[in-house]
Amino acid sequence: MLSARADAIDVVLGLEAGADDYVTKPFDGAVLLARIRAVL
C-alpha cells in the first residue's frame, strides 16, 4: 500500500485488509524498489 501520510488509520486499515507492507509518500524510488524486491 502507498499512503500520502503515515497516518495510523491508513496504515492499519491497509494491513488489516491483507497488505504485506506499506510505503509512505513522498517516497524515494530506491526505497520503493527495495520494498518491492523484499516482498517478492
Full PDB file with SEQRES, HELIX, SHEET, SSBOND, CRYST1, ORIGX, SCALE, CONECT and MASTER records, all heavy atoms in Angstrom:
SEQRES   1 A   40  MET LEU SER ALA ARG ALA ASP ALA ILE ASP VAL VAL LEU          
SEQRES   2 A   40  GLY LEU GLU ALA GLY ALA ASP ASP TYR VAL THR LYS PRO          
SEQRES   3 A   40  PHE ASP GLY ALA VAL LEU LEU ALA ARG ILE ARG ALA VAL          
SEQRES   4 A   40  LEU                                                          
HELIX    1 AA1 ALA A    8  GLU A   16  1                                   9    
HELIX    2 AA2 GLY A   29  VAL A   39  1                                  11    
SHEET    1 AA1 2 LEU A   2  SER A   3  0                                        
SHEET    2 AA1 2 VAL A  23  THR A  24  1                                        
CRYST1    1.000    1.000    1.000  90.00  90.00  90.00 P 1           1          
ORIGX1      1.000000  0.000000  0.000000        0.00000                         
ORIGX2      0.000000  1.000000  0.000000        0.00000                         
ORIGX3      0.000000  0.000000  1.000000        0.00000                         
SCALE1      1.000000  0.000000  0.000000        0.00000                         
SCALE2      0.000000  1.000000  0.000000        0.00000                         
SCALE3      0.000000  0.000000  1.000000        0.00000                         
ATOM      1  N   MET A   1       0.835  -1.190   0.000  1.00  0.00           N  
ATOM      2  CA  MET A   1       0.000   0.000   0.000  1.00  0.00           C  
ATOM      3  C   MET A   1       0.877   1.250   0.000  1.00  0.00           C  
ATOM      4  O   MET A   1       1.951   1.273   0.610  1.00  0.00           O  
ATOM      5  CB  MET A   1      -0.907   0.026   1.233  1.00  0.00           C  
ATOM      6  CG  MET A   1      -1.825  -1.174   1.413  1.00  0.00           C  
ATOM      7  SD  MET A   1      -3.039  -1.385   0.104  1.00  0.00           S  
ATOM      8  CE  MET A   1      -3.997   0.139   0.247  1.00  0.00           C  
ATOM      9  N   LEU A   2       0.385   2.286  -0.662  1.00  0.00           N  
ATOM     10  CA  LEU A   2       1.028   3.596  -0.649  1.00  0.00           C  
ATOM     11  C   LEU A   2       0.105   4.570   0.059  1.00  0.00           C  
ATOM     12  O   LEU A   2      -1.087   4.644  -0.262  1.00  0.00           O  
ATOM     13  CB  LEU A   2       1.304   4.087  -2.071  1.00  0.00           C  
ATOM     14  CG  LEU A   2       2.202   3.233  -2.953  1.00  0.00           C  
ATOM     15  CD1 LEU A   2       2.319   3.855  -4.339  1.00  0.00           C  
ATOM     16  CD2 LEU A   2       3.583   3.090  -2.324  1.00  0.00           C  
ATOM     17  N   SER A   3       0.646   5.302   1.024  1.00  0.00           N  
ATOM     18  CA  SER A   3      -0.150   6.261   1.780  1.00  0.00           C  
ATOM     19  C   SER A   3       0.533   7.618   1.744  1.00  0.00           C  
ATOM     20  O   SER A   3       1.749   7.708   1.901  1.00  0.00           O  
ATOM     21  CB  SER A   3      -0.311   5.809   3.227  1.00  0.00           C  
ATOM     22  OG  SER A   3      -0.964   6.806   3.995  1.00  0.00           O  
ATOM     23  N   ALA A   4      -0.257   8.676   1.544  1.00  0.00           N  
ATOM     24  CA  ALA A   4       0.295  10.023   1.487  1.00  0.00           C  
ATOM     25  C   ALA A   4       0.738  10.526   2.852  1.00  0.00           C  
ATOM     26  O   ALA A   4       1.370  11.552   2.969  1.00  0.00           O  
ATOM     27  CB  ALA A   4      -0.718  10.993   0.883  1.00  0.00           C  
ATOM     28  N   ARG A   5       0.415   9.805   3.878  1.00  0.00           N  
ATOM     29  CA  ARG A   5       0.803  10.190   5.238  1.00  0.00           C  
ATOM     30  C   ARG A   5       0.963   8.935   6.062  1.00  0.00           C  
ATOM     31  O   ARG A   5       0.367   7.898   5.768  1.00  0.00           O  
ATOM     32  CB  ARG A   5      -0.263  11.089   5.864  1.00  0.00           C  
ATOM     33  CG  ARG A   5      -1.651  10.503   5.724  1.00  0.00           C  
ATOM     34  CD  ARG A   5      -2.730  11.454   6.173  1.00  0.00           C  
ATOM     35  NE  ARG A   5      -4.039  10.827   5.946  1.00  0.00           N  
ATOM     36  CZ  ARG A   5      -5.119  11.104   6.640  1.00  0.00           C  
ATOM     37  NH1 ARG A   5      -5.065  11.981   7.609  1.00  0.00           N  
ATOM     38  NH2 ARG A   5      -6.259  10.518   6.386  1.00  0.00           N  
ATOM     39  N   ALA A   6       1.755   9.042   7.097  1.00  0.00           N  
ATOM     40  CA  ALA A   6       1.979   7.882   7.974  1.00  0.00           C  
ATOM     41  C   ALA A   6       0.874   7.823   9.027  1.00  0.00           C  
ATOM     42  O   ALA A   6       1.140   7.638  10.208  1.00  0.00           O  
ATOM     43  CB  ALA A   6       3.346   7.993   8.635  1.00  0.00           C  
ATOM     44  N   ASP A   7      -0.357   8.032   8.577  1.00  0.00           N  
ATOM     45  CA  ASP A   7      -1.493   8.040   9.487  1.00  0.00           C  
ATOM     46  C   ASP A   7      -1.773   6.629   9.979  1.00  0.00           C  
ATOM     47  O   ASP A   7      -1.847   5.686   9.191  1.00  0.00           O  
ATOM     48  CB  ASP A   7      -2.721   8.606   8.769  1.00  0.00           C  
ATOM     49  CG  ASP A   7      -3.913   8.759   9.697  1.00  0.00           C  
ATOM     50  OD1 ASP A   7      -4.020   9.810  10.339  1.00  0.00           O  
ATOM     51  OD2 ASP A   7      -4.711   7.805   9.774  1.00  0.00           O  
ATOM     52  N   ALA A   8      -1.953   6.488  11.285  1.00  0.00           N  
ATOM     53  CA  ALA A   8      -2.148   5.165  11.877  1.00  0.00           C  
ATOM     54  C   ALA A   8      -3.359   4.463  11.292  1.00  0.00           C  
ATOM     55  O   ALA A   8      -3.329   3.257  11.047  1.00  0.00           O  
ATOM     56  CB  ALA A   8      -2.286   5.289  13.394  1.00  0.00           C  
ATOM     57  N   ILE A   9      -4.420   5.217  11.024  1.00  0.00           N  
ATOM     58  CA  ILE A   9      -5.635   4.594  10.491  1.00  0.00           C  
ATOM     59  C   ILE A   9      -5.383   4.059   9.093  1.00  0.00           C  
ATOM     60  O   ILE A   9      -5.747   2.922   8.761  1.00  0.00           O  
ATOM     61  CB  ILE A   9      -6.802   5.601  10.488  1.00  0.00           C  
ATOM     62  CG1 ILE A   9      -7.163   5.992  11.927  1.00  0.00           C  
ATOM     63  CG2 ILE A   9      -8.014   5.014   9.774  1.00  0.00           C  
ATOM     64  CD1 ILE A   9      -8.251   7.037  12.024  1.00  0.00           C  
ATOM     65  N   ASP A  10      -4.754   4.860   8.230  1.00  0.00           N  
ATOM     66  CA  ASP A  10      -4.445   4.415   6.875  1.00  0.00           C  
ATOM     67  C   ASP A  10      -3.590   3.155   6.895  1.00  0.00           C  
ATOM     68  O   ASP A  10      -3.851   2.188   6.178  1.00  0.00           O  
ATOM     69  CB  ASP A  10      -3.686   5.505   6.113  1.00  0.00           C  
ATOM     70  CG  ASP A  10      -4.614   6.617   5.621  1.00  0.00           C  
ATOM     71  OD1 ASP A  10      -5.836   6.455   5.749  1.00  0.00           O  
ATOM     72  OD2 ASP A  10      -4.097   7.621   5.112  1.00  0.00           O  
ATOM     73  N   VAL A  11      -2.546   3.184   7.712  1.00  0.00           N  
ATOM     74  CA  VAL A  11      -1.608   2.071   7.770  1.00  0.00           C  
ATOM     75  C   VAL A  11      -2.293   0.798   8.252  1.00  0.00           C  
ATOM     76  O   VAL A  11      -2.211  -0.260   7.626  1.00  0.00           O  
ATOM     77  CB  VAL A  11      -0.415   2.413   8.686  1.00  0.00           C  
ATOM     78  CG1 VAL A  11       0.460   1.180   8.911  1.00  0.00           C  
ATOM     79  CG2 VAL A  11       0.415   3.540   8.074  1.00  0.00           C  
ATOM     80  N   VAL A  12      -2.986   0.902   9.383  1.00  0.00           N  
ATOM     81  CA  VAL A  12      -3.614  -0.283   9.973  1.00  0.00           C  
ATOM     82  C   VAL A  12      -4.716  -0.832   9.077  1.00  0.00           C  
ATOM     83  O   VAL A  12      -4.821  -2.049   8.883  1.00  0.00           O  
ATOM     84  CB  VAL A  12      -4.160   0.039  11.380  1.00  0.00           C  
ATOM     85  CG1 VAL A  12      -4.989  -1.113  11.919  1.00  0.00           C  
ATOM     86  CG2 VAL A  12      -3.003   0.338  12.328  1.00  0.00           C  
ATOM     87  N   LEU A  13      -5.547   0.049   8.506  1.00  0.00           N  
ATOM     88  CA  LEU A  13      -6.614  -0.419   7.622  1.00  0.00           C  
ATOM     89  C   LEU A  13      -6.047  -1.171   6.424  1.00  0.00           C  
ATOM     90  O   LEU A  13      -6.572  -2.215   6.024  1.00  0.00           O  
ATOM     91  CB  LEU A  13      -7.474   0.755   7.147  1.00  0.00           C  
ATOM     92  CG  LEU A  13      -8.442   1.347   8.162  1.00  0.00           C  
ATOM     93  CD1 LEU A  13      -9.175   2.546   7.561  1.00  0.00           C  
ATOM     94  CD2 LEU A  13      -9.456   0.304   8.624  1.00  0.00           C  
ATOM     95  N   GLY A  14      -4.969  -0.636   5.844  1.00  0.00           N  
ATOM     96  CA  GLY A  14      -4.346  -1.303   4.708  1.00  0.00           C  
ATOM     97  C   GLY A  14      -3.791  -2.665   5.068  1.00  0.00           C  
ATOM     98  O   GLY A  14      -3.990  -3.644   4.348  1.00  0.00           O  
ATOM     99  N   LEU A  15      -3.114  -2.752   6.202  1.00  0.00           N  
ATOM    100  CA  LEU A  15      -2.539  -4.023   6.632  1.00  0.00           C  
ATOM    101  C   LEU A  15      -3.624  -5.020   7.020  1.00  0.00           C  
ATOM    102  O   LEU A  15      -3.530  -6.209   6.714  1.00  0.00           O  
ATOM    103  CB  LEU A  15      -1.581  -3.794   7.798  1.00  0.00           C  
ATOM    104  CG  LEU A  15      -0.325  -2.978   7.474  1.00  0.00           C  
ATOM    105  CD1 LEU A  15       0.426  -2.635   8.746  1.00  0.00           C  
ATOM    106  CD2 LEU A  15       0.579  -3.722   6.506  1.00  0.00           C  
ATOM    107  N   GLU A  16      -4.667  -4.533   7.699  1.00  0.00           N  
ATOM    108  CA  GLU A  16      -5.765  -5.425   8.078  1.00  0.00           C  
ATOM    109  C   GLU A  16      -6.508  -5.946   6.855  1.00  0.00           C  
ATOM    110  O   GLU A  16      -7.085  -7.034   6.885  1.00  0.00           O  
ATOM    111  CB  GLU A  16      -6.729  -4.710   9.017  1.00  0.00           C  
ATOM    112  CG  GLU A  16      -6.176  -4.502  10.419  1.00  0.00           C  
ATOM    113  CD  GLU A  16      -7.168  -3.812  11.340  1.00  0.00           C  
ATOM    114  OE1 GLU A  16      -8.118  -3.187  10.819  1.00  0.00           O  
ATOM    115  OE2 GLU A  16      -6.988  -3.889  12.563  1.00  0.00           O  
ATOM    116  N   ALA A  17      -6.488  -5.178   5.768  1.00  0.00           N  
ATOM    117  CA  ALA A  17      -7.148  -5.607   4.540  1.00  0.00           C  
ATOM    118  C   ALA A  17      -6.370  -6.712   3.837  1.00  0.00           C  
ATOM    119  O   ALA A  17      -6.893  -7.330   2.909  1.00  0.00           O  
ATOM    120  CB  ALA A  17      -7.335  -4.422   3.598  1.00  0.00           C  
ATOM    121  N   GLY A  18      -5.133  -6.935   4.278  1.00  0.00           N  
ATOM    122  CA  GLY A  18      -4.349  -8.018   3.699  1.00  0.00           C  
ATOM    123  C   GLY A  18      -3.064  -7.588   3.034  1.00  0.00           C  
ATOM    124  O   GLY A  18      -2.370  -8.416   2.431  1.00  0.00           O  
ATOM    125  N   ALA A  19      -2.720  -6.292   3.118  1.00  0.00           N  
ATOM    126  CA  ALA A  19      -1.474  -5.833   2.515  1.00  0.00           C  
ATOM    127  C   ALA A  19      -0.272  -6.422   3.252  1.00  0.00           C  
ATOM    128  O   ALA A  19      -0.327  -6.675   4.454  1.00  0.00           O  
ATOM    129  CB  ALA A  19      -1.401  -4.307   2.544  1.00  0.00           C  
ATOM    130  N   ASP A  20       0.811  -6.631   2.512  1.00  0.00           N  
ATOM    131  CA  ASP A  20       2.023  -7.200   3.089  1.00  0.00           C  
ATOM    132  C   ASP A  20       2.942  -6.129   3.658  1.00  0.00           C  
ATOM    133  O   ASP A  20       3.728  -6.397   4.564  1.00  0.00           O  
ATOM    134  CB  ASP A  20       2.773  -8.001   2.019  1.00  0.00           C  
ATOM    135  CG  ASP A  20       1.957  -9.187   1.533  1.00  0.00           C  
ATOM    136  OD1 ASP A  20       1.992 -10.230   2.199  1.00  0.00           O  
ATOM    137  OD2 ASP A  20       1.267  -9.057   0.513  1.00  0.00           O  
ATOM    138  N   ASP A  21       2.877  -4.928   3.115  1.00  0.00           N  
ATOM    139  CA  ASP A  21       3.742  -3.848   3.569  1.00  0.00           C  
ATOM    140  C   ASP A  21       3.124  -2.538   3.096  1.00  0.00           C  
ATOM    141  O   ASP A  21       2.139  -2.528   2.360  1.00  0.00           O  
ATOM    142  CB  ASP A  21       5.153  -4.028   2.983  1.00  0.00           C  
ATOM    143  CG  ASP A  21       6.228  -3.309   3.788  1.00  0.00           C  
ATOM    144  OD1 ASP A  21       5.870  -2.529   4.715  1.00  0.00           O  
ATOM    145  OD2 ASP A  21       7.422  -3.507   3.512  1.00  0.00           O  
ATOM    146  N   TYR A  22       3.713  -1.406   3.531  1.00  0.00           N  
ATOM    147  CA  TYR A  22       3.250  -0.115   3.056  1.00  0.00           C  
ATOM    148  C   TYR A  22       4.434   0.828   2.933  1.00  0.00           C  
ATOM    149  O   TYR A  22       5.478   0.648   3.577  1.00  0.00           O  
ATOM    150  CB  TYR A  22       2.192   0.476   3.997  1.00  0.00           C  
ATOM    151  CG  TYR A  22       2.767   1.159   5.213  1.00  0.00           C  
ATOM    152  CD1 TYR A  22       2.976   2.537   5.231  1.00  0.00           C  
ATOM    153  CD2 TYR A  22       3.126   0.427   6.329  1.00  0.00           C  
ATOM    154  CE1 TYR A  22       3.528   3.161   6.340  1.00  0.00           C  
ATOM    155  CE2 TYR A  22       3.678   1.039   7.441  1.00  0.00           C  
ATOM    156  CZ  TYR A  22       3.876   2.403   7.437  1.00  0.00           C  
ATOM    157  OH  TYR A  22       4.438   3.012   8.534  1.00  0.00           O  
ATOM    158  N   VAL A  23       4.288   1.824   2.079  1.00  0.00           N  
ATOM    159  CA  VAL A  23       5.313   2.852   1.874  1.00  0.00           C  
ATOM    160  C   VAL A  23       4.622   4.206   1.939  1.00  0.00           C  
ATOM    161  O   VAL A  23       3.548   4.395   1.356  1.00  0.00           O  
ATOM    162  CB  VAL A  23       6.023   2.682   0.510  1.00  0.00           C  
ATOM    163  CG1 VAL A  23       7.007   3.817   0.273  1.00  0.00           C  
ATOM    164  CG2 VAL A  23       6.729   1.337   0.434  1.00  0.00           C  
ATOM    165  N   THR A  24       5.226   5.143   2.661  1.00  0.00           N  
ATOM    166  CA  THR A  24       4.650   6.475   2.816  1.00  0.00           C  
ATOM    167  C   THR A  24       5.131   7.409   1.709  1.00  0.00           C  
ATOM    168  O   THR A  24       6.309   7.442   1.380  1.00  0.00           O  
ATOM    169  CB  THR A  24       5.031   7.061   4.185  1.00  0.00           C  
ATOM    170  OG1 THR A  24       4.572   6.197   5.220  1.00  0.00           O  
ATOM    171  CG2 THR A  24       4.395   8.426   4.386  1.00  0.00           C  
ATOM    172  N   LYS A  25       4.204   8.155   1.134  1.00  0.00           N  
ATOM    173  CA  LYS A  25       4.545   9.165   0.125  1.00  0.00           C  
ATOM    174  C   LYS A  25       4.822  10.506   0.814  1.00  0.00           C  
ATOM    175  O   LYS A  25       4.193  10.796   1.831  1.00  0.00           O  
ATOM    176  CB  LYS A  25       3.397   9.323  -0.877  1.00  0.00           C  
ATOM    177  CG  LYS A  25       3.111   8.073  -1.692  1.00  0.00           C  
ATOM    178  CD  LYS A  25       2.176   8.351  -2.865  1.00  0.00           C  
ATOM    179  CE  LYS A  25       0.827   8.847  -2.452  1.00  0.00           C  
ATOM    180  NZ  LYS A  25      -0.098   9.015  -3.598  1.00  0.00           N  
ATOM    181  N   PRO A  26       5.730  11.314   0.262  1.00  0.00           N  
ATOM    182  CA  PRO A  26       6.558  11.041  -0.914  1.00  0.00           C  
ATOM    183  C   PRO A  26       7.634  10.009  -0.597  1.00  0.00           C  
ATOM    184  O   PRO A  26       8.200  10.025   0.495  1.00  0.00           O  
ATOM    185  CB  PRO A  26       7.166  12.399  -1.237  1.00  0.00           C  
ATOM    186  CG  PRO A  26       7.208  13.121   0.069  1.00  0.00           C  
ATOM    187  CD  PRO A  26       5.996  12.649   0.827  1.00  0.00           C  
ATOM    188  N   PHE A  27       7.892   9.111  -1.533  1.00  0.00           N  
ATOM    189  CA  PHE A  27       8.842   8.041  -1.290  1.00  0.00           C  
ATOM    190  C   PHE A  27      10.050   8.176  -2.211  1.00  0.00           C  
ATOM    191  O   PHE A  27       9.977   8.749  -3.297  1.00  0.00           O  
ATOM    192  CB  PHE A  27       8.189   6.672  -1.500  1.00  0.00           C  
ATOM    193  CG  PHE A  27       7.454   6.534  -2.808  1.00  0.00           C  
ATOM    194  CD1 PHE A  27       8.131   6.279  -3.989  1.00  0.00           C  
ATOM    195  CD2 PHE A  27       6.072   6.653  -2.852  1.00  0.00           C  
ATOM    196  CE1 PHE A  27       7.455   6.154  -5.192  1.00  0.00           C  
ATOM    197  CE2 PHE A  27       5.381   6.529  -4.042  1.00  0.00           C  
ATOM    198  CZ  PHE A  27       6.083   6.284  -5.220  1.00  0.00           C  
ATOM    199  N   ASP A  28      11.158   7.651  -1.730  1.00  0.00           N  
ATOM    200  CA  ASP A  28      12.367   7.570  -2.536  1.00  0.00           C  
ATOM    201  C   ASP A  28      12.239   6.353  -3.443  1.00  0.00           C  
ATOM    202  O   ASP A  28      11.852   5.273  -2.994  1.00  0.00           O  
ATOM    203  CB  ASP A  28      13.587   7.435  -1.622  1.00  0.00           C  
ATOM    204  CG  ASP A  28      14.882   7.381  -2.401  1.00  0.00           C  
ATOM    205  OD1 ASP A  28      15.240   6.284  -2.878  1.00  0.00           O  
ATOM    206  OD2 ASP A  28      15.547   8.416  -2.530  1.00  0.00           O  
ATOM    207  N   GLY A  29      12.568   6.509  -4.711  1.00  0.00           N  
ATOM    208  CA  GLY A  29      12.427   5.412  -5.657  1.00  0.00           C  
ATOM    209  C   GLY A  29      13.212   4.177  -5.263  1.00  0.00           C  
ATOM    210  O   GLY A  29      12.742   3.043  -5.445  1.00  0.00           O  
ATOM    211  N   ALA A  30      14.396   4.392  -4.698  1.00  0.00           N  
ATOM    212  CA  ALA A  30      15.220   3.257  -4.288  1.00  0.00           C  
ATOM    213  C   ALA A  30      14.581   2.496  -3.131  1.00  0.00           C  
ATOM    214  O   ALA A  30      14.663   1.267  -3.054  1.00  0.00           O  
ATOM    215  CB  ALA A  30      16.616   3.743  -3.890  1.00  0.00           C  
ATOM    216  N   VAL A  31      13.924   3.228  -2.219  1.00  0.00           N  
ATOM    217  CA  VAL A  31      13.245   2.588  -1.091  1.00  0.00           C  
ATOM    218  C   VAL A  31      12.070   1.762  -1.592  1.00  0.00           C  
ATOM    219  O   VAL A  31      11.872   0.608  -1.170  1.00  0.00           O  
ATOM    220  CB  VAL A  31      12.766   3.642  -0.078  1.00  0.00           C  
ATOM    221  CG1 VAL A  31      11.872   2.999   0.980  1.00  0.00           C  
ATOM    222  CG2 VAL A  31      13.962   4.314   0.588  1.00  0.00           C  
ATOM    223  N   LEU A  32      11.275   2.334  -2.496  1.00  0.00           N  
ATOM    224  CA  LEU A  32      10.137   1.594  -3.044  1.00  0.00           C  
ATOM    225  C   LEU A  32      10.610   0.323  -3.749  1.00  0.00           C  
ATOM    226  O   LEU A  32      10.037  -0.756  -3.565  1.00  0.00           O  
ATOM    227  CB  LEU A  32       9.356   2.471  -4.018  1.00  0.00           C  
ATOM    228  CG  LEU A  32       8.168   1.797  -4.702  1.00  0.00           C  
ATOM    229  CD1 LEU A  32       7.120   1.377  -3.685  1.00  0.00           C  
ATOM    230  CD2 LEU A  32       7.552   2.737  -5.753  1.00  0.00           C  
ATOM    231  N   LEU A  33      11.664   0.449  -4.547  1.00  0.00           N  
ATOM    232  CA  LEU A  33      12.190  -0.711  -5.264  1.00  0.00           C  
ATOM    233  C   LEU A  33      12.665  -1.784  -4.291  1.00  0.00           C  
ATOM    234  O   LEU A  33      12.411  -2.979  -4.492  1.00  0.00           O  
ATOM    235  CB  LEU A  33      13.341  -0.279  -6.172  1.00  0.00           C  
ATOM    236  CG  LEU A  33      13.961  -1.362  -7.047  1.00  0.00           C  
ATOM    237  CD1 LEU A  33      12.929  -1.946  -7.995  1.00  0.00           C  
ATOM    238  CD2 LEU A  33      15.144  -0.791  -7.831  1.00  0.00           C  
ATOM    239  N   ALA A  34      13.336  -1.366  -3.216  1.00  0.00           N  
ATOM    240  CA  ALA A  34      13.819  -2.322  -2.212  1.00  0.00           C  
ATOM    241  C   ALA A  34      12.652  -3.037  -1.541  1.00  0.00           C  
ATOM    242  O   ALA A  34      12.713  -4.248  -1.288  1.00  0.00           O  
ATOM    243  CB  ALA A  34      14.675  -1.601  -1.167  1.00  0.00           C  
ATOM    244  N   ARG A  35      11.584  -2.311  -1.253  1.00  0.00           N  
ATOM    245  CA  ARG A  35      10.418  -2.930  -0.618  1.00  0.00           C  
ATOM    246  C   ARG A  35       9.754  -3.932  -1.570  1.00  0.00           C  
ATOM    247  O   ARG A  35       9.334  -5.007  -1.148  1.00  0.00           O  
ATOM    248  CB  ARG A  35       9.407  -1.858  -0.216  1.00  0.00           C  
ATOM    249  CG  ARG A  35       9.901  -0.906   0.863  1.00  0.00           C  
ATOM    250  CD  ARG A  35       9.951  -1.575   2.230  1.00  0.00           C  
ATOM    251  NE  ARG A  35      10.298  -0.611   3.244  1.00  0.00           N  
ATOM    252  CZ  ARG A  35       9.428   0.186   3.857  1.00  0.00           C  
ATOM    253  NH1 ARG A  35       8.150   0.128   3.573  1.00  0.00           N  
ATOM    254  NH2 ARG A  35       9.842   1.034   4.784  1.00  0.00           N  
ATOM    255  N   ILE A  36       9.629  -3.563  -2.840  1.00  0.00           N  
ATOM    256  CA  ILE A  36       9.033  -4.467  -3.816  1.00  0.00           C  
ATOM    257  C   ILE A  36       9.841  -5.751  -3.916  1.00  0.00           C  
ATOM    258  O   ILE A  36       9.294  -6.857  -3.882  1.00  0.00           O  
ATOM    259  CB  ILE A  36       8.935  -3.784  -5.197  1.00  0.00           C  
ATOM    260  CG1 ILE A  36       7.899  -2.670  -5.162  1.00  0.00           C  
ATOM    261  CG2 ILE A  36       8.584  -4.808  -6.278  1.00  0.00           C  
ATOM    262  CD1 ILE A  36       7.849  -1.830  -6.427  1.00  0.00           C  
ATOM    263  N   ARG A  37      11.152  -5.620  -4.025  1.00  0.00           N  
ATOM    264  CA  ARG A  37      12.001  -6.804  -4.164  1.00  0.00           C  
ATOM    265  C   ARG A  37      11.991  -7.660  -2.901  1.00  0.00           C  
ATOM    266  O   ARG A  37      12.035  -8.894  -2.978  1.00  0.00           O  
ATOM    267  CB  ARG A  37      13.427  -6.371  -4.525  1.00  0.00           C  
ATOM    268  CG  ARG A  37      13.530  -5.889  -5.971  1.00  0.00           C  
ATOM    269  CD  ARG A  37      14.897  -5.409  -6.331  1.00  0.00           C  
ATOM    270  NE  ARG A  37      15.007  -5.174  -7.774  1.00  0.00           N  
ATOM    271  CZ  ARG A  37      15.940  -4.444  -8.348  1.00  0.00           C  
ATOM    272  NH1 ARG A  37      16.869  -3.845  -7.595  1.00  0.00           N  
ATOM    273  NH2 ARG A  37      15.970  -4.296  -9.650  1.00  0.00           N  
ATOM    274  N   ALA A  38      11.912  -7.009  -1.744  1.00  0.00           N  
ATOM    275  CA  ALA A  38      11.855  -7.770  -0.483  1.00  0.00           C  
ATOM    276  C   ALA A  38      10.573  -8.586  -0.403  1.00  0.00           C  
ATOM    277  O   ALA A  38      10.585  -9.751   0.002  1.00  0.00           O  
ATOM    278  CB  ALA A  38      11.970  -6.828   0.714  1.00  0.00           C  
ATOM    279  N   VAL A  39       9.439  -7.980  -0.792  1.00  0.00           N  
ATOM    280  CA  VAL A  39       8.168  -8.704  -0.765  1.00  0.00           C  
ATOM    281  C   VAL A  39       8.193  -9.862  -1.755  1.00  0.00           C  
ATOM    282  O   VAL A  39       7.729 -10.966  -1.449  1.00  0.00           O  
ATOM    283  CB  VAL A  39       6.992  -7.750  -1.077  1.00  0.00           C  
ATOM    284  CG1 VAL A  39       5.704  -8.538  -1.295  1.00  0.00           C  
ATOM    285  CG2 VAL A  39       6.799  -6.756   0.057  1.00  0.00           C  
ATOM    286  N   LEU A  40       8.759  -9.646  -2.922  1.00  0.00           N  
ATOM    287  CA  LEU A  40       8.834 -10.714  -3.921  1.00  0.00           C  
ATOM    288  C   LEU A  40       9.742 -11.849  -3.452  1.00  0.00           C  
ATOM    289  O   LEU A  40       9.446 -13.022  -3.696  1.00  0.00           O  
ATOM    290  CB  LEU A  40       9.330 -10.151  -5.254  1.00  0.00           C  
ATOM    291  CG  LEU A  40       8.340  -9.237  -5.989  1.00  0.00           C  
ATOM    292  CD1 LEU A  40       9.018  -8.566  -7.162  1.00  0.00           C  
ATOM    293  CD2 LEU A  40       7.117 -10.023  -6.448  1.00  0.00           C  
TER     294      LEU A  40                                                      
MASTER        0    0    0    2    2    0    0    6  293    1    0    4          
END                                                                             
